[in-house]
PDB file of all heavy atoms in Angstrom:
ATOM      1  N   PHE A   1     138.346  95.928 108.966  1.00  0.00           N
ATOM      2  CA  PHE A   1     137.377  94.867 108.700  1.00  0.00           C
ATOM      3  C   PHE A   1     137.638  94.225 107.345  1.00  0.00           C
ATOM      4  O   PHE A   1     137.675  92.995 107.218  1.00  0.00           O
ATOM      5  CB  PHE A   1     135.964  95.453 108.753  1.00  0.00           C
ATOM      6  CG  PHE A   1     134.879  94.466 108.419  1.00  0.00           C
ATOM      7  CD1 PHE A   1     134.409  93.574 109.369  1.00  0.00           C
ATOM      8  CD2 PHE A   1     134.331  94.440 107.141  1.00  0.00           C
ATOM      9  CE1 PHE A   1     133.406  92.666 109.047  1.00  0.00           C
ATOM     10  CE2 PHE A   1     133.329  93.536 106.818  1.00  0.00           C
ATOM     11  CZ  PHE A   1     132.869  92.648 107.779  1.00  0.00           C
ATOM     12  N   SER A   2     137.844  95.048 106.318  1.00  0.00           N
ATOM     13  CA  SER A   2     138.084  94.538 104.965  1.00  0.00           C
ATOM     14  C   SER A   2     139.381  93.742 104.892  1.00  0.00           C
ATOM     15  O   SER A   2     139.435  92.668 104.279  1.00  0.00           O
ATOM     16  CB  SER A   2     138.124  95.695 103.966  1.00  0.00           C
ATOM     17  OG  SER A   2     136.929  96.447 104.000  1.00  0.00           O
ATOM     18  N   VAL A   3     140.441  94.263 105.535  1.00  0.00           N
ATOM     19  CA  VAL A   3     141.735  93.576 105.522  1.00  0.00           C
ATOM     20  C   VAL A   3     141.639  92.222 106.212  1.00  0.00           C
ATOM     21  O   VAL A   3     142.162  91.211 105.719  1.00  0.00           O
ATOM     22  CB  VAL A   3     142.819  94.452 106.189  1.00  0.00           C
ATOM     23  CG1 VAL A   3     144.090  93.649 106.416  1.00  0.00           C
ATOM     24  CG2 VAL A   3     143.112  95.667 105.328  1.00  0.00           C
ATOM     25  N   LEU A   4     140.948  92.175 107.356  1.00  0.00           N
ATOM     26  CA  LEU A   4     140.817  90.917 108.085  1.00  0.00           C
ATOM     27  C   LEU A   4     140.056  89.875 107.274  1.00  0.00           C
ATOM     28  O   LEU A   4     140.426  88.698 107.257  1.00  0.00           O
ATOM     29  CB  LEU A   4     140.108  91.148 109.425  1.00  0.00           C
ATOM     30  CG  LEU A   4     140.979  91.529 110.620  1.00  0.00           C
ATOM     31  CD1 LEU A   4     140.121  91.759 111.851  1.00  0.00           C
ATOM     32  CD2 LEU A   4     142.025  90.457 110.898  1.00  0.00           C
ATOM     33  N   LEU A   5     138.994  90.291 106.592  1.00  0.00           N
ATOM     34  CA  LEU A   5     138.230  89.342 105.778  1.00  0.00           C
ATOM     35  C   LEU A   5     139.059  88.831 104.599  1.00  0.00           C
ATOM     36  O   LEU A   5     138.993  87.646 104.252  1.00  0.00           O
ATOM     37  CB  LEU A   5     136.938  89.988 105.278  1.00  0.00           C
ATOM     38  CG  LEU A   5     135.832  90.167 106.320  1.00  0.00           C
ATOM     39  CD1 LEU A   5     134.548  90.636 105.653  1.00  0.00           C
ATOM     40  CD2 LEU A   5     135.557  88.874 107.087  1.00  0.00           C
ATOM     41  N   LEU A   6     139.854  89.708 103.984  1.00  0.00           N
ATOM     42  CA  LEU A   6     140.731  89.273 102.892  1.00  0.00           C
ATOM     43  C   LEU A   6     141.775  88.282 103.400  1.00  0.00           C
ATOM     44  O   LEU A   6     142.069  87.279 102.744  1.00  0.00           O
ATOM     45  CB  LEU A   6     141.404  90.490 102.248  1.00  0.00           C
ATOM     46  CG  LEU A   6     140.517  91.398 101.389  1.00  0.00           C
ATOM     47  CD1 LEU A   6     141.290  92.635 100.942  1.00  0.00           C
ATOM     48  CD2 LEU A   6     139.987  90.631 100.182  1.00  0.00           C
ATOM     49  N   ILE A   7     142.329  88.573 104.567  1.00  0.00           N
ATOM     50  CA  ILE A   7     143.309  87.661 105.164  1.00  0.00           C
ATOM     51  C   ILE A   7     142.662  86.316 105.484  1.00  0.00           C
ATOM     52  O   ILE A   7     143.251  85.255 105.237  1.00  0.00           O
ATOM     53  CB  ILE A   7     143.925  88.284 106.430  1.00  0.00           C
ATOM     54  CG1 ILE A   7     144.826  89.459 106.056  1.00  0.00           C
ATOM     55  CG2 ILE A   7     144.715  87.247 107.230  1.00  0.00           C
ATOM     56  CD1 ILE A   7     145.381  90.214 107.244  1.00  0.00           C
ATOM     57  N   TYR A   8     141.440  86.367 106.018  1.00  0.00           N
ATOM     58  CA  TYR A   8     140.735  85.120 106.337  1.00  0.00           C
ATOM     59  C   TYR A   8     140.509  84.279 105.088  1.00  0.00           C
ATOM     60  O   TYR A   8     140.722  83.057 105.096  1.00  0.00           O
ATOM     61  CB  TYR A   8     139.404  85.436 107.013  1.00  0.00           C
ATOM     62  CG  TYR A   8     138.551  84.222 107.274  1.00  0.00           C
ATOM     63  CD1 TYR A   8     138.974  83.235 108.163  1.00  0.00           C
ATOM     64  CD2 TYR A   8     137.337  84.047 106.624  1.00  0.00           C
ATOM     65  CE1 TYR A   8     138.203  82.111 108.404  1.00  0.00           C
ATOM     66  CE2 TYR A   8     136.563  82.938 106.855  1.00  0.00           C
ATOM     67  CZ  TYR A   8     137.000  81.967 107.746  1.00  0.00           C
ATOM     68  OH  TYR A   8     136.231  80.842 107.964  1.00  0.00           O
ATOM     69  N   MET A   9     140.106  84.923 103.996  1.00  0.00           N
ATOM     70  CA  MET A   9     139.905  84.201 102.740  1.00  0.00           C
ATOM     71  C   MET A   9     141.214  83.580 102.247  1.00  0.00           C
ATOM     72  O   MET A   9     141.240  82.438 101.784  1.00  0.00           O
ATOM     73  CB  MET A   9     139.332  85.145 101.679  1.00  0.00           C
ATOM     74  CG  MET A   9     137.908  85.589 101.949  1.00  0.00           C
ATOM     75  SD  MET A   9     137.345  86.886 100.811  1.00  0.00           S
ATOM     76  CE  MET A   9     137.469  86.024  99.245  1.00  0.00           C
ATOM     77  N   ALA A  10     142.312  84.324 102.391  1.00  0.00           N
ATOM     78  CA  ALA A  10     143.617  83.805 101.969  1.00  0.00           C
ATOM     79  C   ALA A  10     144.039  82.619 102.827  1.00  0.00           C
ATOM     80  O   ALA A  10     144.591  81.631 102.318  1.00  0.00           O
ATOM     81  CB  ALA A  10     144.669  84.914 102.045  1.00  0.00           C
ATOM     82  N   ILE A  11     143.778  82.700 104.128  1.00  0.00           N
ATOM     83  CA  ILE A  11     144.113  81.597 105.028  1.00  0.00           C
ATOM     84  C   ILE A  11     143.339  80.337 104.648  1.00  0.00           C
ATOM     85  O   ILE A  11     143.910  79.240 104.543  1.00  0.00           O
ATOM     86  CB  ILE A  11     143.810  81.985 106.498  1.00  0.00           C
ATOM     87  CG1 ILE A  11     144.803  83.040 106.986  1.00  0.00           C
ATOM     88  CG2 ILE A  11     143.856  80.759 107.410  1.00  0.00           C
ATOM     89  CD1 ILE A  11     144.441  83.634 108.329  1.00  0.00           C
ATOM     90  N   VAL A  12     142.034  80.489 104.456  1.00  0.00           N
ATOM     91  CA  VAL A  12     141.192  79.333 104.124  1.00  0.00           C
ATOM     92  C   VAL A  12     141.613  78.729 102.789  1.00  0.00           C
ATOM     93  O   VAL A  12     141.798  77.503 102.675  1.00  0.00           O
ATOM     94  CB  VAL A  12     139.705  79.750 104.093  1.00  0.00           C
ATOM     95  CG1 VAL A  12     138.848  78.615 103.548  1.00  0.00           C
ATOM     96  CG2 VAL A  12     139.234  80.140 105.484  1.00  0.00           C
ATOM     97  N   ILE A  13     141.796  79.561 101.781  1.00  0.00           N
ATOM     98  CA  ILE A  13     142.163  79.056 100.451  1.00  0.00           C
ATOM     99  C   ILE A  13     143.533  78.378 100.485  1.00  0.00           C
ATOM    100  O   ILE A  13     143.713  77.267  99.961  1.00  0.00           O
ATOM    101  CB  ILE A  13     142.150  80.198  99.423  1.00  0.00           C
ATOM    102  CG1 ILE A  13     140.721  80.691  99.205  1.00  0.00           C
ATOM    103  CG2 ILE A  13     142.756  79.739  98.095  1.00  0.00           C
ATOM    104  CD1 ILE A  13     140.623  81.967  98.386  1.00  0.00           C
ATOM    105  N   GLY A  14     144.516  79.035 101.103  1.00  0.00           N
ATOM    106  CA  GLY A  14     145.871  78.497 101.131  1.00  0.00           C
ATOM    107  C   GLY A  14     145.966  77.174 101.863  1.00  0.00           C
ATOM    108  O   GLY A  14     146.580  76.211 101.376  1.00  0.00           O
ATOM    109  N   ASN A  15     145.343  77.093 103.040  1.00  0.00           N
ATOM    110  CA  ASN A  15     145.442  75.870 103.839  1.00  0.00           C
ATOM    111  C   ASN A  15     144.591  74.736 103.274  1.00  0.00           C
ATOM    112  O   ASN A  15     145.007  73.572 103.302  1.00  0.00           O
ATOM    113  CB  ASN A  15     145.050  76.159 105.295  1.00  0.00           C
ATOM    114  CG  ASN A  15     146.144  76.889 106.054  1.00  0.00           C
ATOM    115  OD1 ASN A  15     147.158  76.312 106.435  1.00  0.00           O
ATOM    116  ND2 ASN A  15     145.948  78.177 106.282  1.00  0.00           N
ATOM    117  N   ILE A  16     143.418  75.059 102.753  1.00  0.00           N
ATOM    118  CA  ILE A  16     142.594  74.015 102.135  1.00  0.00           C
ATOM    119  C   ILE A  16     143.274  73.486 100.876  1.00  0.00           C
ATOM    120  O   ILE A  16     143.192  72.282 100.569  1.00  0.00           O
ATOM    121  CB  ILE A  16     141.181  74.553 101.821  1.00  0.00           C
ATOM    122  CG1 ILE A  16     140.391  74.703 103.122  1.00  0.00           C
ATOM    123  CG2 ILE A  16     140.444  73.626 100.866  1.00  0.00           C
ATOM    124  CD1 ILE A  16     138.974  75.180 102.961  1.00  0.00           C
ATOM    125  N   LEU A  17     143.978  74.357 100.169  1.00  0.00           N
ATOM    126  CA  LEU A  17     144.725  73.912  98.992  1.00  0.00           C
ATOM    127  C   LEU A  17     145.789  72.892  99.380  1.00  0.00           C
ATOM    128  O   LEU A  17     145.964  71.874  98.697  1.00  0.00           O
ATOM    129  CB  LEU A  17     145.374  75.109  98.297  1.00  0.00           C
ATOM    130  CG  LEU A  17     146.126  74.825  96.998  1.00  0.00           C
ATOM    131  CD1 LEU A  17     145.194  74.189  95.959  1.00  0.00           C
ATOM    132  CD2 LEU A  17     146.747  76.100  96.444  1.00  0.00           C
ATOM    133  N   ILE A  18     146.481  73.139 100.485  1.00  0.00           N
ATOM    134  CA  ILE A  18     147.476  72.167 100.959  1.00  0.00           C
ATOM    135  C   ILE A  18     146.802  70.849 101.343  1.00  0.00           C
ATOM    136  O   ILE A  18     147.295  69.766 101.018  1.00  0.00           O
ATOM    137  CB  ILE A  18     148.260  72.750 102.151  1.00  0.00           C
ATOM    138  CG1 ILE A  18     149.253  73.802 101.667  1.00  0.00           C
ATOM    139  CG2 ILE A  18     149.007  71.650 102.908  1.00  0.00           C
ATOM    140  CD1 ILE A  18     150.087  74.428 102.746  1.00  0.00           C
ATOM    141  N   ILE A  19     145.663  70.927 102.028  1.00  0.00           N
ATOM    142  CA  ILE A  19     144.933  69.716 102.418  1.00  0.00           C
ATOM    143  C   ILE A  19     144.534  68.916 101.182  1.00  0.00           C
ATOM    144  O   ILE A  19     144.694  67.682 101.140  1.00  0.00           O
ATOM    145  CB  ILE A  19     143.696  70.090 103.254  1.00  0.00           C
ATOM    146  CG1 ILE A  19     144.117  70.691 104.599  1.00  0.00           C
ATOM    147  CG2 ILE A  19     142.809  68.853 103.484  1.00  0.00           C
ATOM    148  CD1 ILE A  19     142.965  71.272 105.394  1.00  0.00           C
ATOM    149  N   LEU A  20     144.030  69.592 100.159  1.00  0.00           N
ATOM    150  CA  LEU A  20     143.604  68.911  98.936  1.00  0.00           C
ATOM    151  C   LEU A  20     144.796  68.345  98.163  1.00  0.00           C
ATOM    152  O   LEU A  20     144.712  67.239  97.614  1.00  0.00           O
ATOM    153  CB  LEU A  20     142.815  69.872  98.044  1.00  0.00           C
ATOM    154  CG  LEU A  20     141.455  70.321  98.584  1.00  0.00           C
ATOM    155  CD1 LEU A  20     140.827  71.353  97.662  1.00  0.00           C
ATOM    156  CD2 LEU A  20     140.528  69.121  98.766  1.00  0.00           C
ATOM    157  N   LEU A  21     145.891  69.082  98.124  1.00  0.00           N
ATOM    158  CA  LEU A  21     147.080  68.602  97.419  1.00  0.00           C
ATOM    159  C   LEU A  21     147.592  67.305  98.037  1.00  0.00           C
ATOM    160  O   LEU A  21     147.914  66.340  97.333  1.00  0.00           O
ATOM    161  CB  LEU A  21     148.184  69.662  97.451  1.00  0.00           C
ATOM    162  CG  LEU A  21     148.042  70.849  96.503  1.00  0.00           C
ATOM    163  CD1 LEU A  21     149.145  71.872  96.767  1.00  0.00           C
ATOM    164  CD2 LEU A  21     148.088  70.399  95.054  1.00  0.00           C
ATOM    165  N   VAL A  22     147.677  67.282  99.356  1.00  0.00           N
ATOM    166  CA  VAL A  22     148.175  66.079 100.040  1.00  0.00           C
ATOM    167  C   VAL A  22     147.194  64.923  99.864  1.00  0.00           C
ATOM    168  O   VAL A  22     147.599  63.762  99.731  1.00  0.00           O
ATOM    169  CB  VAL A  22     148.420  66.372 101.530  1.00  0.00           C
ATOM    170  CG1 VAL A  22     148.849  65.113 102.268  1.00  0.00           C
ATOM    171  CG2 VAL A  22     149.485  67.459 101.697  1.00  0.00           C
ATOM    172  N   SER A  23     145.909  65.227  99.851  1.00  0.00           N
ATOM    173  CA  SER A  23     144.893  64.171  99.734  1.00  0.00           C
ATOM    174  C   SER A  23     144.845  63.555  98.347  1.00  0.00           C
ATOM    175  O   SER A  23     144.542  62.365  98.201  1.00  0.00           O
ATOM    176  CB  SER A  23     143.504  64.733 100.083  1.00  0.00           C
ATOM    177  OG  SER A  23     143.473  65.222 101.402  1.00  0.00           O
ATOM    178  N   THR A  24     145.149  64.347  97.308  1.00  0.00           N
ATOM    179  CA  THR A  24     144.955  63.873  95.932  1.00  0.00           C
ATOM    180  C   THR A  24     146.237  63.516  95.196  1.00  0.00           C
ATOM    181  O   THR A  24     146.173  62.861  94.160  1.00  0.00           O
ATOM    182  CB  THR A  24     144.208  64.950  95.115  1.00  0.00           C
ATOM    183  OG1 THR A  24     144.962  66.180  95.144  1.00  0.00           O
ATOM    184  CG2 THR A  24     142.825  65.213  95.704  1.00  0.00           C
ATOM    185  N   ASN A  25     147.375  63.954  95.715  1.00  0.00           N
ATOM    186  CA  ASN A  25     148.638  63.712  95.019  1.00  0.00           C
ATOM    187  C   ASN A  25     149.390  62.573  95.698  1.00  0.00           C
ATOM    188  O   ASN A  25     149.763  62.675  96.878  1.00  0.00           O
ATOM    189  CB  ASN A  25     149.487  64.986  95.010  1.00  0.00           C
ATOM    190  CG  ASN A  25     150.638  64.915  94.025  1.00  0.00           C
ATOM    191  OD1 ASN A  25     151.429  63.980  94.070  1.00  0.00           O
ATOM    192  ND2 ASN A  25     150.720  65.886  93.131  1.00  0.00           N
ATOM    193  N   SER A  26     149.636  61.505  94.978  1.00  0.00           N
ATOM    194  CA  SER A  26     150.294  60.326  95.553  1.00  0.00           C
ATOM    195  C   SER A  26     151.723  60.620  95.994  1.00  0.00           C
ATOM    196  O   SER A  26     152.236  60.005  96.938  1.00  0.00           O
ATOM    197  CB  SER A  26     150.295  59.174  94.540  1.00  0.00           C
ATOM    198  OG  SER A  26     150.956  59.559  93.343  1.00  0.00           O
ATOM    199  N   ASN A  27     152.393  61.577  95.338  1.00  0.00           N
ATOM    200  CA  ASN A  27     153.770  61.926  95.696  1.00  0.00           C
ATOM    201  C   ASN A  27     153.860  62.633  97.053  1.00  0.00           C
ATOM    202  O   ASN A  27     154.941  62.720  97.643  1.00  0.00           O
ATOM    203  CB  ASN A  27     154.396  62.820  94.624  1.00  0.00           C
ATOM    204  CG  ASN A  27     154.571  62.087  93.305  1.00  0.00           C
ATOM    205  OD1 ASN A  27     154.788  60.878  93.282  1.00  0.00           O
ATOM    206  ND2 ASN A  27     154.461  62.813  92.196  1.00  0.00           N
ATOM    207  N   LEU A  28     152.730  63.174  97.528  1.00  0.00           N
ATOM    208  CA  LEU A  28     152.720  63.913  98.788  1.00  0.00           C
ATOM    209  C   LEU A  28     152.204  63.076  99.956  1.00  0.00           C
ATOM    210  O   LEU A  28     152.110  63.592 101.074  1.00  0.00           O
ATOM    211  CB  LEU A  28     151.870  65.181  98.643  1.00  0.00           C
ATOM    212  CG  LEU A  28     152.343  66.216  97.614  1.00  0.00           C
ATOM    213  CD1 LEU A  28     151.400  67.405  97.596  1.00  0.00           C
ATOM    214  CD2 LEU A  28     153.763  66.676  97.913  1.00  0.00           C
ATOM    215  N   LYS A  29     151.869  61.823  99.700  1.00  0.00           N
ATOM    216  CA  LYS A  29     151.326  60.979 100.773  1.00  0.00           C
ATOM    217  C   LYS A  29     152.450  60.325 101.559  1.00  0.00           C
ATOM    218  O   LYS A  29     152.575  59.097 101.625  1.00  0.00           O
ATOM    219  CB  LYS A  29     150.355  59.958 100.196  1.00  0.00           C
ATOM    220  CG  LYS A  29     149.068  60.616  99.696  1.00  0.00           C
ATOM    221  CD  LYS A  29     148.046  59.617  99.215  1.00  0.00           C
ATOM    222  CE  LYS A  29     146.772  60.320  98.775  1.00  0.00           C
ATOM    223  NZ  LYS A  29     145.747  59.404  98.257  1.00  0.00           N
ATOM    224  N   ILE A  30     153.284  61.183 102.153  1.00  0.00           N
ATOM    225  CA  ILE A  30     154.358  60.746 103.039  1.00  0.00           C
ATOM    226  C   ILE A  30     154.137  61.412 104.389  1.00  0.00           C
ATOM    227  O   ILE A  30     153.417  62.422 104.482  1.00  0.00           O
ATOM    228  CB  ILE A  30     155.744  61.103 102.464  1.00  0.00           C
ATOM    229  CG1 ILE A  30     155.874  62.614 102.260  1.00  0.00           C
ATOM    230  CG2 ILE A  30     155.986  60.357 101.155  1.00  0.00           C
ATOM    231  CD1 ILE A  30     157.244  63.048 101.795  1.00  0.00           C
TER     232      ILE A  30
END
């Protein structure tokens, strides 16, 4: 249970970070 929740948090943080990077960085808007 603990491992799955940690993995879930890592998934959300990692993927949302990519979404935010592409949304806010002009060099990534390709």
